[in-house]
Amino acid sequence: MIAFRLAGSVAGVAMLMSLIACTENGLRTFRVLQSQGGIPVAYEAYGLVDPVKGTLHGDAAAREPVWLETADGRHLSVVWPQGFRVRFEPTAVLYDEKEQWLASAGRLIELGQVRWDSAAGTFDDPYYAAGILFAGCYPRAK
């Protein structure tokens, strides 16, 4: 029984790690699904009435280098699309997969296609910045 639980949890962790990959600077990213069976993936262009949003904050020495902070001070963990990077210049600056500036610490970020009830927003149950984000399309491979 213990061996089965251990094997199941190891498999679960392996599956989770295949979907979340860490970059060299600790920014957690998810694999973006660009095609399925050779056919480009279409994404829905919609926006939620009350999407997840918060102010971008960062600390190079923190467990996760960037996060969102709500108006009431709650820390929200976010997994970003593959290719995103964070640099400290000296404050956190977020770049996309094309190395284009997206946001700096202090900027309000809205995850327009992410529902508040889709996750707890903790490190272990983060929000995924999937869908349309910063005028780009990032469908998440599940």
N, C-alpha and C. Protein backbone atom coordinates (compact mmCIF):
# COMPACT_ATOMS: atom_id res chain seq x y z
N MET A 1 0.82 -1.20 0.00
CA MET A 1 0.00 0.00 0.00
C MET A 1 0.86 1.25 0.00
N ILE A 2 1.90 1.29 0.83
CA ILE A 2 2.78 2.46 0.88
C ILE A 2 3.54 2.60 -0.43
N ALA A 3 4.00 1.47 -0.98
CA ALA A 3 4.74 1.53 -2.24
C ALA A 3 3.84 2.06 -3.35
N PHE A 4 2.56 1.66 -3.37
CA PHE A 4 1.62 2.14 -4.38
C PHE A 4 1.42 3.65 -4.25
N ARG A 5 1.24 4.13 -3.02
CA ARG A 5 1.05 5.57 -2.81
C ARG A 5 2.29 6.34 -3.24
N LEU A 6 3.47 5.82 -2.90
CA LEU A 6 4.71 6.49 -3.29
C LEU A 6 4.84 6.51 -4.80
N ALA A 7 4.57 5.39 -5.45
CA ALA A 7 4.67 5.34 -6.91
C ALA A 7 3.67 6.30 -7.54
N GLY A 8 2.43 6.35 -6.99
CA GLY A 8 1.42 7.26 -7.52
C GLY A 8 1.82 8.70 -7.33
N SER A 9 2.39 9.04 -6.17
CA SER A 9 2.78 10.42 -5.94
C SER A 9 3.98 10.80 -6.79
N VAL A 10 4.90 9.86 -7.01
CA VAL A 10 6.05 10.14 -7.88
C VAL A 10 5.57 10.38 -9.30
N ALA A 11 4.61 9.57 -9.76
CA ALA A 11 4.07 9.76 -11.11
C ALA A 11 3.35 11.10 -11.21
N GLY A 12 2.61 11.45 -10.15
CA GLY A 12 1.90 12.73 -10.15
C GLY A 12 2.86 13.90 -10.20
N VAL A 13 3.94 13.82 -9.43
CA VAL A 13 4.95 14.88 -9.43
C VAL A 13 5.61 14.97 -10.80
N ALA A 14 5.92 13.81 -11.40
CA ALA A 14 6.55 13.81 -12.72
C ALA A 14 5.63 14.45 -13.76
N MET A 15 4.33 14.14 -13.68
CA MET A 15 3.39 14.72 -14.62
C MET A 15 3.29 16.24 -14.41
N LEU A 16 3.22 16.66 -13.16
CA LEU A 16 3.16 18.08 -12.86
C LEU A 16 4.41 18.80 -13.36
N MET A 17 5.57 18.20 -13.16
CA MET A 17 6.82 18.84 -13.60
C MET A 17 6.91 18.91 -15.12
N SER A 18 6.22 18.00 -15.83
CA SER A 18 6.25 18.09 -17.29
C SER A 18 5.42 19.28 -17.77
N LEU A 19 4.48 19.73 -16.95
CA LEU A 19 3.65 20.88 -17.32
C LEU A 19 4.21 22.19 -16.80
N ILE A 20 4.93 22.14 -15.67
CA ILE A 20 5.55 23.33 -15.10
C ILE A 20 7.06 23.15 -15.20
N ALA A 21 7.71 24.05 -15.87
CA ALA A 21 9.17 24.00 -15.99
C ALA A 21 9.74 25.29 -15.43
N CYS A 22 10.85 25.20 -14.75
CA CYS A 22 11.48 26.40 -14.21
C CYS A 22 12.57 26.87 -15.15
N THR A 23 12.64 28.16 -15.34
CA THR A 23 13.72 28.72 -16.14
C THR A 23 14.93 28.93 -15.24
N GLU A 24 15.99 29.39 -15.80
CA GLU A 24 17.22 29.57 -15.03
C GLU A 24 17.09 30.59 -13.91
N ASN A 25 16.14 31.49 -14.00
CA ASN A 25 15.98 32.49 -12.95
C ASN A 25 14.81 32.18 -12.01
N GLY A 26 14.26 30.98 -12.08
CA GLY A 26 13.24 30.55 -11.14
C GLY A 26 11.81 30.87 -11.53
N LEU A 27 11.59 31.56 -12.63
CA LEU A 27 10.24 31.87 -13.07
C LEU A 27 9.55 30.59 -13.53
N ARG A 28 8.42 30.24 -12.92
CA ARG A 28 7.71 29.03 -13.32
C ARG A 28 6.90 29.31 -14.57
N THR A 29 7.00 28.41 -15.54
CA THR A 29 6.29 28.57 -16.80
C THR A 29 5.53 27.29 -17.14
N PHE A 30 4.53 27.41 -18.00
CA PHE A 30 3.80 26.26 -18.49
C PHE A 30 4.01 26.12 -19.99
N ARG A 31 3.84 24.90 -20.47
CA ARG A 31 4.01 24.62 -21.89
C ARG A 31 2.80 25.16 -22.64
N VAL A 32 3.06 25.96 -23.66
CA VAL A 32 2.02 26.55 -24.49
C VAL A 32 1.71 25.58 -25.63
N LEU A 33 0.44 25.28 -25.81
CA LEU A 33 -0.01 24.37 -26.86
C LEU A 33 -0.22 25.19 -28.14
N GLN A 34 0.62 24.92 -29.15
CA GLN A 34 0.52 25.69 -30.39
C GLN A 34 -0.17 24.91 -31.50
N SER A 35 -0.07 23.58 -31.45
CA SER A 35 -0.77 22.76 -32.44
C SER A 35 -1.11 21.42 -31.82
N GLN A 36 -2.11 20.79 -32.39
CA GLN A 36 -2.53 19.49 -31.92
C GLN A 36 -2.77 18.64 -33.15
N GLY A 37 -1.97 17.58 -33.29
CA GLY A 37 -2.06 16.74 -34.48
C GLY A 37 -1.71 17.49 -35.75
N GLY A 38 -0.80 18.45 -35.64
CA GLY A 38 -0.37 19.23 -36.79
C GLY A 38 -1.29 20.38 -37.17
N ILE A 39 -2.38 20.54 -36.43
CA ILE A 39 -3.33 21.61 -36.71
C ILE A 39 -3.14 22.71 -35.67
N PRO A 40 -2.98 23.97 -36.10
CA PRO A 40 -2.82 25.06 -35.13
C PRO A 40 -4.00 25.12 -34.16
N VAL A 41 -3.71 25.37 -32.92
CA VAL A 41 -4.74 25.44 -31.89
C VAL A 41 -5.43 26.79 -31.95
N ALA A 42 -6.75 26.75 -31.99
CA ALA A 42 -7.53 27.98 -31.93
C ALA A 42 -7.81 28.29 -30.46
N TYR A 43 -7.90 29.53 -30.12
CA TYR A 43 -8.21 29.90 -28.75
C TYR A 43 -9.42 30.82 -28.76
N GLU A 44 -10.12 30.78 -27.67
CA GLU A 44 -11.30 31.63 -27.57
C GLU A 44 -10.90 33.04 -27.14
N ALA A 45 -11.42 34.03 -27.82
CA ALA A 45 -11.13 35.42 -27.48
C ALA A 45 -12.29 35.96 -26.64
N TYR A 46 -12.13 35.84 -25.34
CA TYR A 46 -13.16 36.34 -24.43
C TYR A 46 -12.48 36.97 -23.24
N GLY A 47 -13.20 37.75 -22.51
CA GLY A 47 -12.70 38.35 -21.29
C GLY A 47 -13.71 38.14 -20.18
N LEU A 48 -13.23 37.92 -19.00
CA LEU A 48 -14.11 37.71 -17.85
C LEU A 48 -14.52 39.04 -17.24
N VAL A 49 -15.66 39.06 -16.60
CA VAL A 49 -16.14 40.27 -15.94
C VAL A 49 -15.25 40.63 -14.75
N ASP A 50 -14.86 39.63 -13.97
CA ASP A 50 -14.02 39.87 -12.79
C ASP A 50 -12.82 38.92 -12.81
N PRO A 51 -11.83 39.18 -13.68
CA PRO A 51 -10.68 38.28 -13.80
C PRO A 51 -9.69 38.46 -12.64
N VAL A 52 -8.76 37.52 -12.55
CA VAL A 52 -7.68 37.63 -11.57
C VAL A 52 -6.82 38.83 -11.95
N LYS A 53 -6.52 39.67 -10.96
CA LYS A 53 -5.66 40.82 -11.22
C LYS A 53 -4.93 41.21 -9.95
N GLY A 54 -3.79 41.83 -10.14
CA GLY A 54 -2.99 42.30 -9.02
C GLY A 54 -1.79 43.06 -9.52
N THR A 55 -1.07 43.64 -8.60
CA THR A 55 0.12 44.42 -8.93
C THR A 55 1.33 43.50 -8.97
N LEU A 56 2.13 43.64 -10.00
CA LEU A 56 3.33 42.82 -10.15
C LEU A 56 4.37 43.21 -9.11
N HIS A 57 4.90 42.22 -8.43
CA HIS A 57 5.98 42.41 -7.45
C HIS A 57 7.06 41.39 -7.73
N GLY A 58 8.26 41.65 -7.26
CA GLY A 58 9.34 40.70 -7.47
C GLY A 58 10.44 40.82 -6.45
N ASP A 59 11.13 39.70 -6.27
CA ASP A 59 12.29 39.63 -5.38
C ASP A 59 13.15 38.48 -5.87
N ALA A 60 14.35 38.79 -6.34
CA ALA A 60 15.23 37.78 -6.91
C ALA A 60 15.57 36.67 -5.93
N ALA A 61 15.51 36.94 -4.64
CA ALA A 61 15.88 35.93 -3.63
C ALA A 61 14.68 35.13 -3.13
N ALA A 62 13.47 35.43 -3.61
CA ALA A 62 12.26 34.76 -3.13
C ALA A 62 12.09 33.39 -3.77
N ARG A 63 11.25 32.58 -3.17
CA ARG A 63 10.94 31.23 -3.70
C ARG A 63 10.48 31.32 -5.15
N GLU A 64 9.65 32.28 -5.45
CA GLU A 64 9.28 32.58 -6.83
C GLU A 64 9.58 34.06 -7.05
N PRO A 65 10.29 34.37 -8.12
CA PRO A 65 10.82 35.73 -8.28
C PRO A 65 9.78 36.81 -8.56
N VAL A 66 8.63 36.45 -9.14
CA VAL A 66 7.57 37.44 -9.36
C VAL A 66 6.23 36.85 -8.96
N TRP A 67 5.34 37.73 -8.51
CA TRP A 67 4.00 37.34 -8.11
C TRP A 67 3.10 38.55 -8.27
N LEU A 68 1.81 38.33 -8.13
CA LEU A 68 0.86 39.42 -8.12
C LEU A 68 0.39 39.64 -6.69
N GLU A 69 0.12 40.88 -6.36
CA GLU A 69 -0.40 41.21 -5.04
C GLU A 69 -1.74 41.90 -5.22
N THR A 70 -2.77 41.40 -4.53
CA THR A 70 -4.11 41.98 -4.62
C THR A 70 -4.17 43.29 -3.86
N ALA A 71 -5.25 44.01 -4.04
CA ALA A 71 -5.43 45.30 -3.36
C ALA A 71 -5.42 45.15 -1.84
N ASP A 72 -5.85 43.98 -1.35
CA ASP A 72 -5.86 43.75 0.10
C ASP A 72 -4.56 43.11 0.60
N GLY A 73 -3.53 43.05 -0.26
CA GLY A 73 -2.21 42.58 0.16
C GLY A 73 -1.96 41.09 0.04
N ARG A 74 -2.89 40.36 -0.57
CA ARG A 74 -2.71 38.91 -0.72
C ARG A 74 -1.73 38.61 -1.84
N HIS A 75 -0.83 37.68 -1.60
CA HIS A 75 0.20 37.24 -2.55
C HIS A 75 -0.41 36.17 -3.45
N LEU A 76 -0.36 36.36 -4.78
CA LEU A 76 -0.89 35.39 -5.73
C LEU A 76 0.24 34.79 -6.55
N SER A 77 0.37 33.48 -6.50
CA SER A 77 1.35 32.77 -7.33
C SER A 77 0.80 32.60 -8.73
N VAL A 78 1.66 32.83 -9.72
CA VAL A 78 1.26 32.72 -11.12
C VAL A 78 2.31 31.91 -11.86
N VAL A 79 1.84 31.00 -12.73
CA VAL A 79 2.72 30.28 -13.64
C VAL A 79 2.52 30.95 -15.00
N TRP A 80 3.63 31.37 -15.60
CA TRP A 80 3.61 32.18 -16.83
C TRP A 80 3.81 31.31 -18.06
N PRO A 81 3.46 31.79 -19.25
CA PRO A 81 3.67 31.01 -20.49
C PRO A 81 5.16 30.74 -20.73
N GLN A 82 5.42 29.61 -21.40
CA GLN A 82 6.80 29.25 -21.70
C GLN A 82 7.49 30.36 -22.47
N GLY A 83 8.74 30.55 -22.19
CA GLY A 83 9.51 31.60 -22.84
C GLY A 83 9.53 32.91 -22.09
N PHE A 84 8.60 33.11 -21.14
CA PHE A 84 8.61 34.33 -20.35
C PHE A 84 9.85 34.34 -19.46
N ARG A 85 10.38 35.52 -19.19
CA ARG A 85 11.58 35.68 -18.37
C ARG A 85 11.37 36.85 -17.42
N VAL A 86 12.10 36.82 -16.33
CA VAL A 86 12.13 37.96 -15.42
C VAL A 86 13.58 38.39 -15.27
N ARG A 87 13.78 39.70 -15.28
CA ARG A 87 15.10 40.27 -15.02
C ARG A 87 14.92 41.32 -13.95
N PHE A 88 15.96 41.55 -13.19
CA PHE A 88 15.93 42.57 -12.15
C PHE A 88 16.82 43.71 -12.59
N GLU A 89 16.20 44.87 -12.91
CA GLU A 89 16.89 45.99 -13.55
C GLU A 89 16.72 47.31 -12.82
N PRO A 90 16.82 47.56 -11.60
CA PRO A 90 17.04 46.64 -10.48
C PRO A 90 15.75 46.00 -9.97
N THR A 91 14.55 46.54 -10.34
CA THR A 91 13.31 45.89 -9.92
C THR A 91 12.89 44.86 -10.97
N ALA A 92 11.93 44.03 -10.63
CA ALA A 92 11.47 42.97 -11.53
C ALA A 92 10.88 43.53 -12.81
N VAL A 93 11.33 42.97 -13.93
CA VAL A 93 10.80 43.31 -15.25
C VAL A 93 10.48 42.00 -15.95
N LEU A 94 9.24 41.88 -16.43
CA LEU A 94 8.77 40.67 -17.09
C LEU A 94 8.86 40.83 -18.60
N TYR A 95 9.43 39.81 -19.27
CA TYR A 95 9.58 39.79 -20.73
C TYR A 95 8.86 38.58 -21.30
N ASP A 96 8.39 38.69 -22.54
CA ASP A 96 7.73 37.56 -23.18
C ASP A 96 8.74 36.68 -23.90
N GLU A 97 8.24 35.69 -24.63
CA GLU A 97 9.10 34.72 -25.32
C GLU A 97 9.90 35.36 -26.46
N LYS A 98 9.53 36.58 -26.87
CA LYS A 98 10.26 37.31 -27.91
C LYS A 98 11.20 38.34 -27.32
N GLU A 99 11.38 38.27 -25.97
CA GLU A 99 12.23 39.21 -25.24
C GLU A 99 11.69 40.64 -25.28
N GLN A 100 10.38 40.79 -25.46
CA GLN A 100 9.76 42.11 -25.45
C GLN A 100 9.28 42.42 -24.03
N TRP A 101 9.50 43.66 -23.60
CA TRP A 101 9.07 44.12 -22.29
C TRP A 101 7.56 43.98 -22.18
N LEU A 102 7.10 43.43 -21.06
CA LEU A 102 5.67 43.31 -20.80
C LEU A 102 5.22 44.17 -19.63
N ALA A 103 5.97 44.08 -18.53
CA ALA A 103 5.55 44.78 -17.32
C ALA A 103 6.72 44.91 -16.36
N SER A 104 6.67 45.92 -15.53
CA SER A 104 7.66 46.13 -14.47
C SER A 104 6.95 46.07 -13.13
N ALA A 105 7.71 45.85 -12.08
CA ALA A 105 7.15 45.84 -10.72
C ALA A 105 6.35 47.11 -10.50
N GLY A 106 5.19 46.97 -9.88
CA GLY A 106 4.32 48.09 -9.61
C GLY A 106 3.18 48.24 -10.60
N ARG A 107 3.23 47.52 -11.72
CA ARG A 107 2.18 47.62 -12.74
C ARG A 107 1.04 46.67 -12.40
N LEU A 108 -0.18 47.12 -12.62
CA LEU A 108 -1.36 46.29 -12.44
C LEU A 108 -1.45 45.31 -13.61
N ILE A 109 -1.56 44.03 -13.29
CA ILE A 109 -1.65 42.97 -14.30
C ILE A 109 -3.03 42.34 -14.19
N GLU A 110 -3.69 42.18 -15.31
CA GLU A 110 -4.99 41.51 -15.36
C GLU A 110 -4.87 40.26 -16.20
N LEU A 111 -5.20 39.12 -15.60
CA LEU A 111 -5.22 37.85 -16.32
C LEU A 111 -6.65 37.69 -16.84
N GLY A 112 -6.93 38.32 -17.98
CA GLY A 112 -8.28 38.50 -18.49
C GLY A 112 -9.10 37.25 -18.71
N GLN A 113 -8.46 36.09 -18.87
CA GLN A 113 -9.20 34.85 -19.11
C GLN A 113 -9.00 33.85 -17.97
N VAL A 114 -8.63 34.34 -16.80
CA VAL A 114 -8.40 33.47 -15.65
C VAL A 114 -9.42 33.80 -14.56
N ARG A 115 -10.15 32.78 -14.16
CA ARG A 115 -11.19 32.95 -13.14
C ARG A 115 -10.59 32.88 -11.74
N TRP A 116 -11.15 33.65 -10.82
CA TRP A 116 -10.69 33.63 -9.43
C TRP A 116 -10.84 32.24 -8.82
N ASP A 117 -11.89 31.52 -9.20
CA ASP A 117 -12.12 30.20 -8.60
C ASP A 117 -11.37 29.07 -9.31
N SER A 118 -10.50 29.38 -10.27
CA SER A 118 -9.76 28.34 -10.98
C SER A 118 -8.57 27.82 -10.17
N ALA A 119 -8.17 28.52 -9.13
CA ALA A 119 -7.05 28.11 -8.28
C ALA A 119 -7.13 28.88 -6.97
N ALA A 120 -6.27 28.45 -6.03
CA ALA A 120 -6.21 29.16 -4.75
C ALA A 120 -5.25 30.34 -4.81
N GLY A 121 -4.36 30.33 -5.82
CA GLY A 121 -3.39 31.41 -5.94
C GLY A 121 -2.18 31.22 -5.04
N THR A 122 -2.02 30.02 -4.49
CA THR A 122 -0.87 29.71 -3.64
C THR A 122 0.24 29.11 -4.50
N PHE A 123 1.42 28.93 -3.92
CA PHE A 123 2.53 28.32 -4.65
C PHE A 123 2.16 26.91 -5.12
N ASP A 124 1.45 26.16 -4.28
CA ASP A 124 1.07 24.79 -4.63
C ASP A 124 -0.16 24.70 -5.51
N ASP A 125 -0.94 25.75 -5.60
CA ASP A 125 -2.14 25.80 -6.45
C ASP A 125 -2.19 27.17 -7.13
N PRO A 126 -1.25 27.40 -8.06
CA PRO A 126 -1.12 28.74 -8.66
C PRO A 126 -2.13 28.99 -9.78
N TYR A 127 -2.25 30.25 -10.14
CA TYR A 127 -3.01 30.63 -11.32
C TYR A 127 -2.10 30.43 -12.54
N TYR A 128 -2.70 30.08 -13.67
CA TYR A 128 -1.96 29.94 -14.93
C TYR A 128 -2.34 31.12 -15.81
N ALA A 129 -1.36 31.88 -16.24
CA ALA A 129 -1.58 33.05 -17.10
C ALA A 129 -1.80 32.57 -18.53
N ALA A 130 -2.90 31.86 -18.73
CA ALA A 130 -3.21 31.26 -20.03
C ALA A 130 -4.28 32.06 -20.75
N GLY A 131 -4.41 31.79 -22.04
CA GLY A 131 -5.40 32.50 -22.85
C GLY A 131 -4.75 33.71 -23.49
N ILE A 132 -5.49 34.78 -23.55
CA ILE A 132 -4.96 36.02 -24.13
C ILE A 132 -4.32 36.81 -23.00
N LEU A 133 -3.07 37.17 -23.20
CA LEU A 133 -2.31 37.87 -22.18
C LEU A 133 -1.35 38.83 -22.87
N PHE A 134 -1.38 40.09 -22.51
CA PHE A 134 -0.49 41.10 -23.10
C PHE A 134 -0.55 41.07 -24.63
N ALA A 135 -1.74 40.90 -25.19
CA ALA A 135 -1.98 40.87 -26.64
C ALA A 135 -1.37 39.66 -27.32
N GLY A 136 -1.02 38.62 -26.55
CA GLY A 136 -0.52 37.37 -27.13
C GLY A 136 -1.49 36.25 -26.80
N CYS A 137 -1.36 35.13 -27.50
CA CYS A 137 -2.22 33.97 -27.29
C CYS A 137 -1.41 32.84 -26.67
N TYR A 138 -1.83 32.37 -25.50
CA TYR A 138 -1.07 31.35 -24.77
C TYR A 138 -2.00 30.24 -24.26
N PRO A 139 -2.50 29.37 -25.17
CA PRO A 139 -3.30 28.24 -24.70
C PRO A 139 -2.40 27.27 -23.95
N ARG A 140 -2.86 26.80 -22.80
CA ARG A 140 -2.04 25.93 -21.95
C ARG A 140 -2.25 24.47 -22.29
N ALA A 141 -1.13 23.75 -22.46
CA ALA A 141 -1.19 22.30 -22.62
C ALA A 141 -1.55 21.71 -21.27
N LYS A 142 -2.54 20.85 -21.22
CA LYS A 142 -2.97 20.27 -19.94
C LYS A 142 -2.55 18.83 -19.82
